[in-house]
Amino acid sequence: MTRTSPEAAWPPLFLAWLVAATATLGALFFGEVKQLPICTMCWYQRICMFPLAVVLPFGMFPPTRRVIGAGIALAVPGLALALFHQLLVAGVIPERIQPCSQGVPCSQTVATWFGFLTLPLLSIAAFAAILALLLAAFRRSPP
C-alpha cells in the first residue's frame, strides 16, 4: 500500500462517513424523537450534513477525489455555519445580525450537556472532524 492509493484513502473516508451518519441520526433523533425545536441555523447546518451521509459512501468503492472534493465542499460551509451559530449562542454576534426572524431564536440554547456542550458545539465538532478526515483522504487518494 503506497501513500497515495485507494487503500490508504479508505479509512479516513470511512471515518468521515461514520461521523456524518452519526450526526445525521443524532439530528433526526433530537428533532423527531425528542421534539427539540429547530432554528433556522440548525436547518442550514442540516442542509450541509445530511447529504454527506448519503454522498460519502459513493466515494468509498474505490475512494475517489471527486466524491471527497464534494464532501469537502459541503463540510466547509457547514463548519462556517456551525461556528456562526455558536457565536450567536455565545452572544458575540449582536441581536440585529441574527438570521432567525421566525420560530425559535438561533441564540436560544435548547439543550446543554455537562454544563457547556450545546448542539452548535456538537455540530462544530462533527464538521471539523469530517473536514480533517476528508482532507486526509484527499491527500492519500491518487490523482
N, C-alpha and C. Protein backbone atom coordinates (compact mmCIF):
# COMPACT_ATOMS: atom_id res chain seq x y z
N MET A 1 0.86 -1.18 0.00
CA MET A 1 0.00 0.00 0.00
C MET A 1 0.90 1.24 0.00
N THR A 2 0.77 2.05 -1.03
CA THR A 2 1.55 3.27 -1.11
C THR A 2 0.84 4.40 -0.39
N ARG A 3 1.55 5.49 -0.22
CA ARG A 3 1.00 6.65 0.50
C ARG A 3 -0.20 7.25 -0.25
N THR A 4 -0.20 7.20 -1.57
CA THR A 4 -1.33 7.68 -2.35
C THR A 4 -1.94 6.50 -3.10
N SER A 5 -2.82 5.81 -2.43
CA SER A 5 -3.51 4.68 -3.05
C SER A 5 -4.94 4.66 -2.54
N PRO A 6 -5.82 4.00 -3.29
CA PRO A 6 -7.21 3.90 -2.81
C PRO A 6 -7.31 3.25 -1.44
N GLU A 7 -6.42 2.29 -1.17
CA GLU A 7 -6.46 1.62 0.13
C GLU A 7 -6.08 2.56 1.26
N ALA A 8 -5.17 3.49 1.00
CA ALA A 8 -4.75 4.45 2.04
C ALA A 8 -5.82 5.50 2.30
N ALA A 9 -6.62 5.82 1.29
CA ALA A 9 -7.64 6.85 1.44
C ALA A 9 -8.92 6.32 2.07
N TRP A 10 -9.10 5.00 2.04
CA TRP A 10 -10.35 4.42 2.51
C TRP A 10 -10.63 4.65 4.00
N PRO A 11 -9.69 4.40 4.93
CA PRO A 11 -10.01 4.56 6.36
C PRO A 11 -10.48 5.96 6.75
N PRO A 12 -9.78 7.05 6.36
CA PRO A 12 -10.31 8.36 6.76
C PRO A 12 -11.64 8.69 6.09
N LEU A 13 -11.85 8.21 4.87
CA LEU A 13 -13.12 8.45 4.20
C LEU A 13 -14.24 7.70 4.90
N PHE A 14 -13.98 6.48 5.32
CA PHE A 14 -14.98 5.71 6.07
C PHE A 14 -15.30 6.39 7.40
N LEU A 15 -14.27 6.85 8.10
CA LEU A 15 -14.50 7.53 9.39
C LEU A 15 -15.28 8.82 9.20
N ALA A 16 -15.01 9.56 8.11
CA ALA A 16 -15.77 10.78 7.83
C ALA A 16 -17.23 10.44 7.61
N TRP A 17 -17.49 9.35 6.87
CA TRP A 17 -18.88 8.93 6.66
C TRP A 17 -19.52 8.53 7.98
N LEU A 18 -18.78 7.83 8.84
CA LEU A 18 -19.30 7.40 10.13
C LEU A 18 -19.71 8.60 10.99
N VAL A 19 -18.88 9.64 11.00
CA VAL A 19 -19.21 10.87 11.74
C VAL A 19 -20.45 11.53 11.14
N ALA A 20 -20.51 11.62 9.80
CA ALA A 20 -21.65 12.25 9.14
C ALA A 20 -22.94 11.47 9.40
N ALA A 21 -22.87 10.15 9.33
CA ALA A 21 -24.05 9.32 9.58
C ALA A 21 -24.51 9.45 11.04
N THR A 22 -23.57 9.47 11.96
CA THR A 22 -23.90 9.63 13.38
C THR A 22 -24.53 11.00 13.64
N ALA A 23 -23.95 12.04 13.05
CA ALA A 23 -24.50 13.39 13.22
C ALA A 23 -25.89 13.50 12.61
N THR A 24 -26.10 12.88 11.47
CA THR A 24 -27.41 12.90 10.82
C THR A 24 -28.44 12.18 11.68
N LEU A 25 -28.10 11.00 12.15
CA LEU A 25 -29.03 10.26 13.01
C LEU A 25 -29.29 11.00 14.32
N GLY A 26 -28.24 11.65 14.86
CA GLY A 26 -28.42 12.44 16.08
C GLY A 26 -29.35 13.62 15.86
N ALA A 27 -29.18 14.31 14.75
CA ALA A 27 -30.05 15.46 14.44
C ALA A 27 -31.49 15.01 14.27
N LEU A 28 -31.69 13.89 13.59
CA LEU A 28 -33.04 13.36 13.43
C LEU A 28 -33.63 12.92 14.76
N PHE A 29 -32.80 12.33 15.62
CA PHE A 29 -33.27 11.92 16.94
C PHE A 29 -33.72 13.12 17.77
N PHE A 30 -32.87 14.16 17.81
CA PHE A 30 -33.21 15.34 18.61
C PHE A 30 -34.45 16.04 18.07
N GLY A 31 -34.58 16.11 16.76
CA GLY A 31 -35.72 16.81 16.17
C GLY A 31 -37.01 16.02 16.15
N GLU A 32 -36.92 14.74 15.78
CA GLU A 32 -38.14 13.95 15.58
C GLU A 32 -38.56 13.16 16.82
N VAL A 33 -37.61 12.64 17.58
CA VAL A 33 -37.95 11.83 18.74
C VAL A 33 -38.06 12.69 20.00
N LYS A 34 -37.02 13.49 20.27
CA LYS A 34 -37.02 14.34 21.47
C LYS A 34 -37.85 15.61 21.27
N GLN A 35 -38.24 15.89 20.02
CA GLN A 35 -39.07 17.06 19.69
C GLN A 35 -38.44 18.39 20.10
N LEU A 36 -37.09 18.49 20.03
CA LEU A 36 -36.44 19.76 20.31
C LEU A 36 -36.73 20.71 19.16
N PRO A 37 -37.01 21.98 19.46
CA PRO A 37 -37.27 22.94 18.38
C PRO A 37 -36.02 23.16 17.54
N ILE A 38 -36.23 23.36 16.24
CA ILE A 38 -35.13 23.50 15.30
C ILE A 38 -35.13 24.94 14.76
N CYS A 39 -34.01 25.64 14.97
CA CYS A 39 -33.90 27.02 14.50
C CYS A 39 -33.42 27.03 13.05
N THR A 40 -33.42 28.20 12.46
CA THR A 40 -33.02 28.37 11.06
C THR A 40 -31.56 27.95 10.85
N MET A 41 -30.67 28.32 11.74
CA MET A 41 -29.26 27.96 11.59
C MET A 41 -29.07 26.45 11.66
N CYS A 42 -29.86 25.78 12.50
CA CYS A 42 -29.78 24.32 12.56
C CYS A 42 -30.21 23.70 11.24
N TRP A 43 -31.23 24.27 10.63
CA TRP A 43 -31.67 23.76 9.32
C TRP A 43 -30.57 23.94 8.28
N TYR A 44 -29.90 25.08 8.27
CA TYR A 44 -28.82 25.31 7.31
C TYR A 44 -27.69 24.30 7.51
N GLN A 45 -27.37 24.01 8.77
CA GLN A 45 -26.32 23.03 9.05
C GLN A 45 -26.75 21.63 8.61
N ARG A 46 -28.02 21.31 8.79
CA ARG A 46 -28.53 20.02 8.34
C ARG A 46 -28.45 19.91 6.81
N ILE A 47 -28.66 21.02 6.12
CA ILE A 47 -28.57 21.01 4.66
C ILE A 47 -27.17 20.62 4.22
N CYS A 48 -26.17 20.96 5.01
CA CYS A 48 -24.79 20.57 4.69
C CYS A 48 -24.45 19.16 5.19
N MET A 49 -25.02 18.74 6.32
CA MET A 49 -24.65 17.46 6.92
C MET A 49 -25.36 16.27 6.29
N PHE A 50 -26.66 16.36 6.08
CA PHE A 50 -27.42 15.20 5.61
C PHE A 50 -26.90 14.64 4.29
N PRO A 51 -26.57 15.49 3.29
CA PRO A 51 -26.03 14.92 2.04
C PRO A 51 -24.70 14.19 2.24
N LEU A 52 -23.90 14.61 3.22
CA LEU A 52 -22.63 13.93 3.47
C LEU A 52 -22.85 12.46 3.82
N ALA A 53 -23.89 12.17 4.58
CA ALA A 53 -24.17 10.79 4.97
C ALA A 53 -24.58 9.95 3.77
N VAL A 54 -25.10 10.59 2.74
CA VAL A 54 -25.55 9.87 1.54
C VAL A 54 -24.45 9.82 0.48
N VAL A 55 -23.71 10.91 0.30
CA VAL A 55 -22.73 11.03 -0.78
C VAL A 55 -21.44 10.28 -0.48
N LEU A 56 -20.94 10.35 0.74
CA LEU A 56 -19.63 9.78 1.05
C LEU A 56 -19.51 8.28 0.77
N PRO A 57 -20.53 7.47 1.01
CA PRO A 57 -20.36 6.05 0.66
C PRO A 57 -20.10 5.80 -0.82
N PHE A 58 -20.58 6.67 -1.69
CA PHE A 58 -20.33 6.51 -3.12
C PHE A 58 -18.85 6.67 -3.47
N GLY A 59 -18.12 7.36 -2.62
CA GLY A 59 -16.71 7.57 -2.87
C GLY A 59 -15.81 6.54 -2.22
N MET A 60 -16.38 5.55 -1.57
CA MET A 60 -15.57 4.57 -0.85
C MET A 60 -15.16 3.36 -1.69
N PHE A 61 -15.83 3.12 -2.76
CA PHE A 61 -15.60 1.86 -3.51
C PHE A 61 -15.33 2.11 -4.97
N PRO A 62 -14.15 2.49 -5.39
CA PRO A 62 -12.97 2.85 -4.62
C PRO A 62 -13.02 4.33 -4.24
N PRO A 63 -12.17 4.74 -3.29
CA PRO A 63 -12.12 6.16 -2.92
C PRO A 63 -11.73 7.03 -4.12
N THR A 64 -12.53 8.03 -4.38
CA THR A 64 -12.26 8.93 -5.50
C THR A 64 -12.16 10.37 -5.01
N ARG A 65 -11.26 11.10 -5.61
CA ARG A 65 -11.08 12.51 -5.24
C ARG A 65 -12.32 13.34 -5.56
N ARG A 66 -13.05 12.93 -6.56
CA ARG A 66 -14.24 13.68 -6.96
C ARG A 66 -15.28 13.71 -5.83
N VAL A 67 -15.56 12.56 -5.25
CA VAL A 67 -16.53 12.49 -4.16
C VAL A 67 -15.95 13.13 -2.90
N ILE A 68 -14.68 12.90 -2.65
CA ILE A 68 -14.03 13.53 -1.48
C ILE A 68 -14.11 15.05 -1.60
N GLY A 69 -13.86 15.57 -2.80
CA GLY A 69 -13.97 17.02 -3.03
C GLY A 69 -15.38 17.53 -2.81
N ALA A 70 -16.38 16.74 -3.22
CA ALA A 70 -17.77 17.14 -2.98
C ALA A 70 -18.07 17.17 -1.48
N GLY A 71 -17.50 16.22 -0.75
CA GLY A 71 -17.68 16.22 0.70
C GLY A 71 -17.04 17.43 1.36
N ILE A 72 -15.86 17.79 0.88
CA ILE A 72 -15.18 18.98 1.41
C ILE A 72 -16.02 20.23 1.11
N ALA A 73 -16.61 20.26 -0.09
CA ALA A 73 -17.44 21.41 -0.48
C ALA A 73 -18.69 21.54 0.40
N LEU A 74 -19.14 20.47 1.01
CA LEU A 74 -20.26 20.54 1.95
C LEU A 74 -19.79 20.79 3.38
N ALA A 75 -18.63 20.26 3.74
CA ALA A 75 -18.15 20.38 5.12
C ALA A 75 -17.67 21.79 5.46
N VAL A 76 -17.05 22.47 4.49
CA VAL A 76 -16.53 23.83 4.77
C VAL A 76 -17.65 24.80 5.11
N PRO A 77 -18.71 24.94 4.28
CA PRO A 77 -19.78 25.86 4.68
C PRO A 77 -20.52 25.37 5.92
N GLY A 78 -20.62 24.05 6.10
CA GLY A 78 -21.26 23.53 7.30
C GLY A 78 -20.52 23.95 8.56
N LEU A 79 -19.19 23.87 8.51
CA LEU A 79 -18.37 24.30 9.65
C LEU A 79 -18.51 25.80 9.87
N ALA A 80 -18.52 26.58 8.80
CA ALA A 80 -18.68 28.03 8.93
C ALA A 80 -20.04 28.38 9.56
N LEU A 81 -21.09 27.70 9.13
CA LEU A 81 -22.42 27.94 9.71
C LEU A 81 -22.46 27.54 11.18
N ALA A 82 -21.83 26.43 11.52
CA ALA A 82 -21.81 25.98 12.91
C ALA A 82 -21.04 26.97 13.79
N LEU A 83 -19.93 27.48 13.29
CA LEU A 83 -19.17 28.49 14.04
C LEU A 83 -19.98 29.76 14.24
N PHE A 84 -20.64 30.21 13.17
CA PHE A 84 -21.51 31.39 13.25
C PHE A 84 -22.61 31.16 14.28
N HIS A 85 -23.21 29.97 14.25
CA HIS A 85 -24.29 29.65 15.19
C HIS A 85 -23.78 29.67 16.63
N GLN A 86 -22.60 29.13 16.86
CA GLN A 86 -22.03 29.14 18.21
C GLN A 86 -21.77 30.57 18.68
N LEU A 87 -21.32 31.42 17.78
CA LEU A 87 -21.11 32.83 18.14
C LEU A 87 -22.43 33.52 18.47
N LEU A 88 -23.51 33.12 17.80
CA LEU A 88 -24.83 33.65 18.14
C LEU A 88 -25.23 33.21 19.55
N VAL A 89 -25.05 31.93 19.83
CA VAL A 89 -25.42 31.39 21.14
C VAL A 89 -24.58 32.04 22.25
N ALA A 90 -23.30 32.27 21.97
CA ALA A 90 -22.40 32.86 22.97
C ALA A 90 -22.65 34.36 23.16
N GLY A 91 -23.44 34.98 22.28
CA GLY A 91 -23.73 36.40 22.40
C GLY A 91 -22.68 37.30 21.79
N VAL A 92 -21.73 36.74 21.03
CA VAL A 92 -20.68 37.52 20.39
C VAL A 92 -21.24 38.33 19.22
N ILE A 93 -22.16 37.72 18.49
CA ILE A 93 -22.80 38.40 17.36
C ILE A 93 -24.02 39.13 17.87
N PRO A 94 -24.16 40.41 17.53
CA PRO A 94 -25.28 41.20 18.05
C PRO A 94 -26.64 40.69 17.56
N GLU A 95 -27.65 40.98 18.34
CA GLU A 95 -29.02 40.54 18.07
C GLU A 95 -29.52 40.98 16.70
N ARG A 96 -29.15 42.14 16.23
CA ARG A 96 -29.68 42.66 14.96
C ARG A 96 -29.15 41.90 13.74
N ILE A 97 -28.05 41.16 13.89
CA ILE A 97 -27.47 40.42 12.77
C ILE A 97 -28.01 38.99 12.71
N GLN A 98 -28.72 38.56 13.73
CA GLN A 98 -29.17 37.17 13.80
C GLN A 98 -30.14 36.86 12.66
N PRO A 99 -29.95 35.71 11.99
CA PRO A 99 -30.77 35.35 10.84
C PRO A 99 -32.14 34.79 11.18
N CYS A 100 -32.36 34.43 12.43
CA CYS A 100 -33.63 33.80 12.80
C CYS A 100 -34.67 34.86 13.11
N SER A 101 -35.59 35.05 12.20
CA SER A 101 -36.62 36.05 12.42
C SER A 101 -37.96 35.42 12.78
N GLN A 102 -38.11 34.13 12.52
CA GLN A 102 -39.34 33.42 12.85
C GLN A 102 -39.00 32.16 13.63
N GLY A 103 -39.96 31.68 14.39
CA GLY A 103 -39.75 30.43 15.12
C GLY A 103 -38.79 30.58 16.28
N VAL A 104 -37.98 29.56 16.49
CA VAL A 104 -37.04 29.52 17.61
C VAL A 104 -35.88 30.46 17.34
N PRO A 105 -35.51 31.32 18.31
CA PRO A 105 -34.35 32.18 18.12
C PRO A 105 -33.07 31.34 18.04
N CYS A 106 -32.18 31.71 17.13
CA CYS A 106 -30.93 30.97 16.96
C CYS A 106 -30.01 31.12 18.16
N SER A 107 -30.21 32.17 18.94
CA SER A 107 -29.36 32.39 20.11
C SER A 107 -29.84 31.59 21.32
N GLN A 108 -30.99 30.96 21.22
CA GLN A 108 -31.54 30.18 22.33
C GLN A 108 -30.87 28.80 22.39
N THR A 109 -30.47 28.39 23.58
CA THR A 109 -29.90 27.07 23.79
C THR A 109 -31.02 26.14 24.22
N VAL A 110 -31.33 25.14 23.38
CA VAL A 110 -32.43 24.23 23.71
C VAL A 110 -31.97 23.00 24.48
N ALA A 111 -30.68 22.69 24.43
CA ALA A 111 -30.14 21.54 25.17
C ALA A 111 -28.68 21.81 25.52
N THR A 112 -28.31 21.47 26.75
CA THR A 112 -26.92 21.61 27.20
C THR A 112 -26.56 20.37 28.01
N TRP A 113 -25.39 19.80 27.71
CA TRP A 113 -24.89 18.65 28.43
C TRP A 113 -23.58 19.01 29.10
N PHE A 114 -23.36 18.50 30.29
CA PHE A 114 -22.14 18.71 31.06
C PHE A 114 -21.88 20.19 31.33
N GLY A 115 -22.91 21.02 31.25
CA GLY A 115 -22.78 22.44 31.54
C GLY A 115 -22.20 23.31 30.44
N PHE A 116 -21.74 22.71 29.33
CA PHE A 116 -21.15 23.53 28.27
C PHE A 116 -21.40 22.99 26.86
N LEU A 117 -21.76 21.75 26.71
CA LEU A 117 -21.89 21.13 25.39
C LEU A 117 -23.27 21.40 24.81
N THR A 118 -23.31 22.20 23.74
CA THR A 118 -24.57 22.57 23.09
C THR A 118 -24.64 21.93 21.70
N LEU A 119 -25.79 22.00 21.08
CA LEU A 119 -25.94 21.46 19.73
C LEU A 119 -25.02 22.15 18.72
N PRO A 120 -24.86 23.48 18.76
CA PRO A 120 -23.90 24.09 17.83
C PRO A 120 -22.46 23.61 18.05
N LEU A 121 -22.08 23.37 19.30
CA LEU A 121 -20.73 22.84 19.57
C LEU A 121 -20.57 21.42 19.03
N LEU A 122 -21.61 20.60 19.15
CA LEU A 122 -21.58 19.26 18.57
C LEU A 122 -21.44 19.34 17.05
N SER A 123 -22.13 20.30 16.46
CA SER A 123 -22.05 20.49 15.01
C SER A 123 -20.64 20.92 14.59
N ILE A 124 -20.04 21.82 15.35
CA ILE A 124 -18.66 22.25 15.06
C ILE A 124 -17.73 21.04 15.12
N ALA A 125 -17.86 20.24 16.17
CA ALA A 125 -17.00 19.06 16.31
C ALA A 125 -17.19 18.09 15.15
N ALA A 126 -18.43 17.86 14.76
CA ALA A 126 -18.69 16.93 13.66
C ALA A 126 -18.13 17.44 12.34
N PHE A 127 -18.41 18.70 12.00
CA PHE A 127 -17.92 19.25 10.73
C PHE A 127 -16.39 19.34 10.72
N ALA A 128 -15.78 19.72 11.84
CA ALA A 128 -14.32 19.80 11.90
C ALA A 128 -13.69 18.43 11.72
N ALA A 129 -14.25 17.42 12.38
CA ALA A 129 -13.73 16.05 12.23
C ALA A 129 -13.89 15.56 10.80
N ILE A 130 -15.05 15.80 10.21
CA ILE A 130 -15.30 15.38 8.83
C ILE A 130 -14.33 16.07 7.88
N LEU A 131 -14.14 17.36 8.06
CA LEU A 131 -13.24 18.11 7.19
C LEU A 131 -11.80 17.59 7.32
N ALA A 132 -11.33 17.39 8.53
CA ALA A 132 -9.97 16.87 8.73
C ALA A 132 -9.81 15.49 8.10
N LEU A 133 -10.79 14.63 8.28
CA LEU A 133 -10.72 13.28 7.71
C LEU A 133 -10.78 13.31 6.18
N LEU A 134 -11.62 14.17 5.63
CA LEU A 134 -11.71 14.26 4.17
C LEU A 134 -10.43 14.83 3.56
N LEU A 135 -9.82 15.79 4.24
CA LEU A 135 -8.54 16.32 3.74
C LEU A 135 -7.46 15.24 3.78
N ALA A 136 -7.46 14.43 4.82
CA ALA A 136 -6.51 13.31 4.89
C ALA A 136 -6.78 12.31 3.78
N ALA A 137 -8.04 12.00 3.53
CA ALA A 137 -8.39 11.07 2.45
C ALA A 137 -8.00 11.64 1.10
N PHE A 138 -8.19 12.94 0.92
CA PHE A 138 -7.85 13.59 -0.35
C PHE A 138 -6.34 13.50 -0.61
N ARG A 139 -5.55 13.77 0.42
CA ARG A 139 -4.09 13.69 0.29
C ARG A 139 -3.63 12.27 -0.01
N ARG A 140 -4.31 11.29 0.53
CA ARG A 140 -3.91 9.89 0.35
C ARG A 140 -4.44 9.27 -0.95
N SER A 141 -5.43 9.90 -1.56
CA SER A 141 -6.02 9.30 -2.76
C SER A 141 -5.19 9.64 -3.99
N PRO A 142 -5.17 8.73 -4.96
CA PRO A 142 -4.38 9.00 -6.18
C PRO A 142 -5.06 10.09 -7.01
N PRO A 143 -4.27 10.87 -7.73
CA PRO A 143 -4.85 11.95 -8.56
C PRO A 143 -5.71 11.43 -9.70
